[in-house]
Protein backbone atom coordinates (compact mmCIF):
# COMPACT_ATOMS: atom_id res chain seq x y z
CA MET A 1 -71.53 64.22 48.87
CA ARG A 2 -68.26 62.42 49.64
CA THR A 3 -65.43 63.35 47.30
CA VAL A 4 -61.97 61.77 47.52
CA ILE A 5 -59.16 63.95 46.19
CA ALA A 6 -55.83 62.47 45.15
CA GLY A 7 -52.99 64.83 45.96
CA GLY A 8 -54.98 66.06 48.94
CA HIS A 9 -52.30 68.42 50.27
CA GLY A 10 -51.73 70.19 46.96
CA GLN A 11 -52.49 73.86 46.51
CA ILE A 12 -55.61 73.32 44.40
CA ALA A 13 -56.75 70.37 46.51
CA LEU A 14 -56.61 72.28 49.80
CA ARG A 15 -58.69 75.09 48.31
CA LEU A 16 -61.18 72.59 46.91
CA GLU A 17 -61.46 70.69 50.18
CA ARG A 18 -62.20 73.91 52.05
CA LEU A 19 -64.92 74.86 49.56
CA LEU A 20 -66.54 71.43 49.77
CA ALA A 21 -66.47 71.39 53.57
CA GLU A 22 -67.96 74.88 53.72
CA ARG A 23 -70.92 73.85 51.58
CA GLY A 24 -71.61 70.80 53.73
CA ASP A 25 -69.96 68.07 51.66
CA ARG A 26 -67.56 65.46 53.01
CA PRO A 27 -64.18 65.91 51.31
CA ALA A 28 -61.36 63.45 51.87
CA GLY A 29 -57.80 63.95 50.69
CA ILE A 30 -55.21 61.29 49.95
CA VAL A 31 -51.85 62.34 51.42
CA ARG A 32 -48.49 60.64 51.46
CA ARG A 33 -47.01 62.29 54.56
CA PRO A 34 -48.61 61.80 58.00
CA GLU A 35 -47.66 65.35 59.02
CA HIS A 36 -50.03 66.72 56.37
CA ALA A 37 -53.09 65.15 58.00
CA GLN A 38 -53.65 67.99 60.45
CA ASP A 39 -53.74 70.55 57.64
CA LEU A 40 -56.68 68.71 56.09
CA GLN A 41 -58.45 68.24 59.39
CA ARG A 42 -58.13 71.96 60.09
CA ILE A 43 -60.20 72.81 56.99
CA GLY A 44 -62.78 70.07 57.50
CA ALA A 45 -61.38 67.33 55.25
CA GLU A 46 -60.70 63.71 56.14
CA PRO A 47 -57.05 62.70 55.59
CA LEU A 48 -56.43 59.33 53.94
CA LEU A 49 -52.84 58.15 54.23
CA LEU A 50 -51.55 56.37 51.12
CA ASP A 51 -48.59 56.65 48.77
CA LEU A 52 -49.97 56.65 45.23
CA GLU A 53 -46.58 55.59 43.90
CA ALA A 54 -46.48 52.48 46.10
CA THR A 55 -49.94 50.97 46.09
CA THR A 56 -52.32 48.91 43.97
CA PRO A 57 -55.75 49.63 42.48
CA THR A 58 -57.31 47.24 45.01
CA GLU A 59 -55.72 48.99 48.00
CA LEU A 60 -56.74 52.39 46.68
CA ALA A 61 -60.27 51.19 45.88
CA ALA A 62 -60.74 50.37 49.56
CA LEU A 63 -60.34 54.07 50.38
CA LEU A 64 -62.91 55.00 47.75
CA GLU A 65 -65.75 52.86 49.11
CA GLY A 66 -68.81 55.04 49.63
CA ALA A 67 -67.44 57.96 47.62
CA ASP A 68 -69.65 59.81 45.16
CA ALA A 69 -66.74 61.22 43.14
CA VAL A 70 -62.97 61.34 42.86
CA VAL A 71 -60.71 64.18 41.80
CA PHE A 72 -57.17 63.72 40.54
CA ALA A 73 -55.24 66.78 41.70
CA ALA A 74 -51.88 65.14 42.40
CA GLY A 75 -48.68 66.20 40.69
CA ALA A 76 -44.97 65.60 40.95
CA GLY A 77 -44.52 69.34 41.34
CA PRO A 78 -41.87 71.86 40.30
CA GLY A 79 -38.31 70.66 40.52
CA SER A 80 -39.16 66.98 40.13
CA GLY A 81 -37.47 65.01 37.39
CA ALA A 82 -38.93 63.35 34.34
CA GLU A 83 -39.33 59.99 36.08
CA ARG A 84 -41.80 61.33 38.65
CA LYS A 85 -43.77 63.09 35.93
CA LEU A 86 -44.50 59.58 34.71
CA THR A 87 -45.09 57.87 38.05
CA VAL A 88 -47.30 60.64 39.47
CA ASP A 89 -48.80 62.75 36.69
CA ARG A 90 -49.47 59.76 34.45
CA ASP A 91 -49.44 56.51 36.40
CA ALA A 92 -51.18 57.73 39.56
CA ALA A 93 -53.98 59.25 37.50
CA VAL A 94 -54.54 55.94 35.73
CA LEU A 95 -54.33 54.12 39.07
CA LEU A 96 -57.10 56.34 40.47
CA ALA A 97 -59.27 55.62 37.44
CA ASP A 98 -58.78 51.87 37.82
CA ALA A 99 -59.50 52.06 41.55
CA ALA A 100 -62.62 54.17 40.98
CA GLU A 101 -63.94 51.52 38.59
CA LEU A 102 -63.25 48.78 41.13
CA ALA A 103 -65.04 50.77 43.84
CA GLY A 104 -67.99 51.62 41.61
CA VAL A 105 -67.33 55.36 41.69
CA ARG A 106 -68.32 56.76 38.31
CA ARG A 107 -67.64 60.51 38.64
CA TYR A 108 -63.99 61.35 37.93
CA LEU A 109 -62.56 64.86 37.60
CA MET A 110 -59.05 65.20 36.20
CA VAL A 111 -56.92 68.28 36.81
CA SER A 112 -54.82 68.21 33.67
CA SER A 113 -52.84 70.96 31.94
CA MET A 114 -53.30 73.17 28.95
CA GLY A 115 -51.14 71.73 26.18
CA ALA A 116 -51.32 68.18 27.53
CA ASP A 117 -50.70 65.77 24.67
CA ALA A 118 -49.20 62.28 24.62
CA ALA A 119 -47.17 63.39 21.59
CA ALA A 120 -46.23 66.87 22.85
CA ALA A 121 -42.93 68.32 21.64
CA TYR A 122 -41.12 70.91 23.74
CA PRO A 123 -37.43 70.61 22.87
CA ALA A 124 -36.47 73.66 24.91
CA ASP A 125 -37.31 71.81 28.14
CA PRO A 126 -37.25 67.98 28.00
CA VAL A 127 -38.67 67.61 31.52
CA PHE A 128 -41.61 69.87 30.70
CA GLU A 129 -42.12 67.89 27.49
CA THR A 130 -42.29 64.71 29.57
CA TYR A 131 -44.83 66.42 31.85
CA LEU A 132 -47.10 67.40 28.95
CA ARG A 133 -46.83 63.91 27.50
CA ALA A 134 -47.54 62.32 30.87
CA LYS A 135 -50.64 64.47 31.40
CA GLY A 136 -51.79 63.78 27.84
CA ALA A 137 -51.36 60.03 28.23
CA ALA A 138 -53.27 60.12 31.52
CA ASP A 139 -56.11 62.07 29.90
CA ASP A 140 -56.26 59.52 27.08
CA ALA A 141 -56.38 56.62 29.53
CA VAL A 142 -59.18 58.16 31.57
CA ARG A 143 -61.21 59.00 28.47
CA ALA A 144 -60.97 55.32 27.47
CA GLN A 145 -62.65 54.18 30.70
CA ASP A 146 -66.25 53.45 29.80
CA ALA A 147 -67.13 52.89 33.45
CA LEU A 148 -66.32 56.52 34.37
CA ASP A 149 -68.25 59.75 33.97
CA TRP A 150 -65.12 61.81 33.49
CA THR A 151 -64.49 65.50 32.99
CA ILE A 152 -60.99 66.70 32.17
CA LEU A 153 -60.08 70.26 33.20
CA ARG A 154 -57.03 71.87 31.62
CA PRO A 155 -56.14 75.13 33.38
CA GLY A 156 -53.79 77.71 31.95
CA ARG A 157 -50.74 78.98 33.83
CA LEU A 158 -51.54 78.78 37.54
CA THR A 159 -51.27 81.85 39.76
CA ASP A 160 -51.78 82.37 43.49
CA GLY A 161 -54.16 85.31 43.65
CA PRO A 162 -57.33 85.28 45.76
CA GLY A 163 -59.45 84.34 42.76
CA THR A 164 -61.98 86.51 41.00
CA GLY A 165 -64.86 84.06 40.67
CA ARG A 166 -64.92 84.84 36.95
CA VAL A 167 -63.46 82.53 34.32
CA ARG A 168 -63.40 81.47 30.72
CA LEU A 169 -64.32 77.78 30.43
CA ALA A 170 -64.63 76.11 27.04
CA ALA A 171 -63.28 73.34 24.85
CA SER A 172 -60.69 75.88 23.67
CA THR A 173 -59.94 79.14 25.43
CA GLY A 174 -56.51 80.11 24.14
CA ARG A 175 -53.55 80.63 26.45
CA GLY A 176 -53.96 82.53 29.68
CA ASP A 177 -53.48 82.56 33.44
CA VAL A 178 -55.92 81.42 36.10
CA ASP A 179 -55.80 81.58 39.89
CA ARG A 180 -55.71 78.28 41.74
CA ALA A 181 -58.67 79.52 43.79
CA ASP A 182 -60.74 79.79 40.63
CA VAL A 183 -59.65 76.32 39.49
CA ALA A 184 -60.89 74.95 42.81
CA ALA A 185 -64.19 76.81 42.43
CA VAL A 186 -64.70 75.37 38.96
CA LEU A 187 -63.95 71.85 40.20
CA ALA A 188 -66.48 72.27 43.01
CA ALA A 189 -69.10 73.37 40.48
CA LEU A 190 -68.29 70.52 38.08
CA LEU A 191 -68.86 67.97 40.84
CA THR A 192 -72.52 68.92 40.90
CA ALA A 193 -72.84 69.17 37.11
CA PRO A 194 -73.06 65.57 35.85
CA ALA A 195 -74.07 66.79 32.40
CA THR A 196 -70.46 67.92 31.90
CA ALA A 197 -69.28 64.29 31.85
CA GLY A 198 -67.39 63.45 28.69
CA LEU A 199 -66.00 66.96 28.22
CA THR A 200 -62.39 68.11 28.00
CA LEU A 201 -62.28 71.77 29.00
CA GLU A 202 -59.72 74.53 29.06
CA LEU A 203 -59.82 77.16 31.79
CA THR A 204 -58.42 80.66 32.08
CA ALA A 205 -59.36 83.86 33.86
CA GLY A 206 -62.34 85.52 32.22
CA ASP A 207 -65.51 87.52 32.67
CA THR A 208 -68.14 84.84 33.36
CA PRO A 209 -69.08 83.88 36.94
CA VAL A 210 -68.07 80.29 37.69
CA ALA A 211 -71.62 79.00 38.16
CA GLU A 212 -72.75 80.53 34.86
CA ALA A 213 -69.69 79.21 33.02
CA VAL A 214 -70.38 75.65 34.18
CA ALA A 215 -74.13 75.90 33.59
CA ALA A 216 -73.51 77.03 30.01
CA LEU A 217 -71.80 73.70 29.27
CA ARG A 218 -74.85 71.54 30.06
């Protein structure tokens, strides 16, 4: 299975790429900086050099030819301003959806955020409000794509532990933390669970093994 991951050098993406390579799949990660290519190669992923903020759906679609699935795991990241929340967290996600349609790739996994909502209000932090709105708008745009078999994953607050392999995965989980390693494990499982297409899911740490949590959604 060839999976192309946007934001291929991100913390979740690198964990996902390693998992996919270890199980015999062919992960490819889209990276903006040439110096990141060797990090992907080291874990068995193919680096694809492209700036998602400076390309077109047609150019991106060319990189997706032959892919079985795409994953949007890009993000402007901490410390970025409101403008890049829009150009990366919203616009790049929509760009990937449009490119996937052009390339005939139906399976689309979106790494979103708990609380994502195009009308989110968070007056205490205007940049974070823009982030939640950007993620919500991207989710809405992807859900409107009839040509895609999408699944939207909304993790809780991300942590950097080793992962437990046990999660809570449901349409609504309530607030909670989740290790990036467990997010990657859930994404890997969702890629081989086509019956989860059309679902928007929240994810936190929990008591259910990842495989069982995903299987229960079918």
